[in-house]
């Protein structure tokens, strides 16, 4: 069933417009950013004495398994921005779904 813009509410049209911009123009990431400290394993490094190396990871679940991906410090802000884009896209999809449910209920 094709839905024409004329049949959509203003709320749905705006949500679709914003979602299109996010999907086409911006990066998306799903997961959680975590700052952790690790030992490198070198026998003469300061981390052996307790001064661990700070690092940033993206953690996500995929196919029931957890995985972590190292994020370079210079890319941390971009990763956070992409996570926020994903959250916004998810919220916009919920708006669109709610509007579609309303149209289906109206057809009964």
Protein backbone atom coordinates (compact mmCIF):
# COMPACT_ATOMS: atom_id res chain seq x y z
CA UNK A 1 0.00 0.00 0.00
CA UNK A 2 1.53 3.30 -1.12
CA UNK A 3 1.08 6.25 1.18
CA UNK A 4 0.96 9.67 -0.42
CA UNK A 5 2.29 12.70 1.43
CA UNK A 6 -1.16 14.27 1.15
CA UNK A 7 -2.54 11.45 3.31
CA UNK A 8 0.09 11.95 6.02
CA UNK A 9 -0.21 14.15 9.06
CA UNK A 10 2.13 17.11 9.41
CA UNK A 11 3.83 15.27 12.28
CA UNK A 12 4.55 12.26 10.05
CA UNK A 13 5.76 14.36 7.11
CA UNK A 14 8.19 16.22 9.38
CA UNK A 15 9.43 12.97 10.95
CA UNK A 16 10.01 11.41 7.52
CA UNK A 17 11.86 14.52 6.31
CA UNK A 18 14.17 14.55 9.35
CA UNK A 19 14.73 10.79 9.12
CA UNK A 20 15.67 11.04 5.44
CA UNK A 21 18.25 13.72 6.22
CA UNK A 22 19.78 11.63 9.00
CA UNK A 23 19.94 8.46 6.92
CA UNK A 24 21.32 10.10 3.77
CA UNK A 25 23.63 12.77 5.16
CA UNK A 26 24.80 11.77 8.63
CA UNK A 27 26.63 8.84 10.22
CA UNK A 28 24.82 6.32 12.43
CA UNK A 29 26.15 4.13 15.23
CA UNK A 30 24.35 1.80 17.60
CA UNK A 31 25.87 0.90 20.94
CA UNK A 32 27.42 2.48 24.02
CA UNK A 33 30.62 4.50 24.34
CA UNK A 34 32.74 3.44 27.29
CA UNK A 35 35.96 4.90 28.66
CA UNK A 36 38.14 2.17 30.13
CA UNK A 37 41.71 1.70 31.33
CA UNK A 38 43.88 -1.16 30.19
CA UNK A 39 47.34 -2.65 30.61
CA UNK A 40 49.37 -2.98 27.42
CA UNK A 41 51.33 -5.99 28.59
CA UNK A 42 54.78 -4.47 28.18
CA UNK A 43 57.00 -5.44 31.12
CA UNK A 44 58.63 -2.01 31.43
CA UNK A 45 55.50 0.15 31.02
CA UNK A 46 53.95 2.35 33.70
CA UNK A 47 50.69 0.40 33.40
CA UNK A 48 52.31 -2.54 35.19
CA UNK A 49 52.71 -0.22 38.21
CA UNK A 50 49.03 0.76 38.13
CA UNK A 51 48.97 3.74 35.74
CA UNK A 52 46.78 2.10 33.10
CA UNK A 53 46.28 3.42 29.59
CA UNK A 54 42.94 5.21 29.02
CA UNK A 55 40.99 4.17 25.94
CA UNK A 56 37.53 4.57 24.47
CA UNK A 57 35.45 1.67 23.17
CA UNK A 58 32.13 1.26 21.42
CA UNK A 59 30.26 -1.70 22.90
CA UNK A 60 27.34 -3.29 21.11
CA UNK A 61 25.37 -6.49 21.04
CA UNK A 62 25.11 -8.30 17.72
CA UNK A 63 23.50 -11.70 17.23
CA UNK A 64 23.35 -12.17 20.99
CA UNK A 65 27.08 -11.53 21.43
CA UNK A 66 28.79 -8.51 22.93
CA UNK A 67 31.61 -6.90 21.01
CA UNK A 68 33.82 -3.91 21.68
CA UNK A 69 35.49 -1.75 19.07
CA UNK A 70 38.36 0.60 19.89
CA UNK A 71 37.58 4.26 19.12
CA UNK A 72 40.55 6.59 18.58
CA UNK A 73 40.43 9.60 20.90
CA UNK A 74 40.26 11.95 17.89
CA UNK A 75 37.08 10.14 16.71
CA UNK A 76 35.28 10.03 20.06
CA UNK A 77 33.16 13.17 19.47
CA UNK A 78 32.15 11.94 16.01
CA UNK A 79 31.17 8.56 17.46
CA UNK A 80 29.03 10.28 20.12
CA UNK A 81 27.38 12.40 17.41
CA UNK A 82 26.63 9.28 15.35
CA UNK A 83 25.16 7.54 18.42
CA UNK A 84 22.89 10.53 18.97
CA UNK A 85 21.86 10.41 15.28
CA UNK A 86 20.89 6.75 15.72
CA UNK A 87 18.80 7.56 18.78
CA UNK A 88 17.05 10.39 16.95
CA UNK A 89 16.38 8.15 13.92
CA UNK A 90 14.89 5.53 16.22
CA UNK A 91 12.58 8.14 17.81
CA UNK A 92 11.51 9.38 14.37
CA UNK A 93 10.73 5.82 13.27
CA UNK A 94 8.49 5.43 16.31
CA UNK A 95 6.58 8.58 15.32
CA UNK A 96 6.12 7.26 11.79
CA UNK A 97 4.99 3.85 13.09
CA UNK A 98 2.46 5.47 15.43
CA UNK A 99 1.03 7.48 12.54
CA UNK A 100 0.80 4.38 10.34
CA UNK A 101 -1.00 2.49 13.11
CA UNK A 102 -3.45 5.39 13.29
CA UNK A 103 -4.12 5.12 9.55
CA UNK A 104 -4.66 1.37 9.83
CA UNK A 105 -7.11 1.84 12.69
CA UNK A 106 -8.93 4.47 10.65
CA UNK A 107 -9.41 1.96 7.78
CA UNK A 108 -11.36 -0.51 9.97
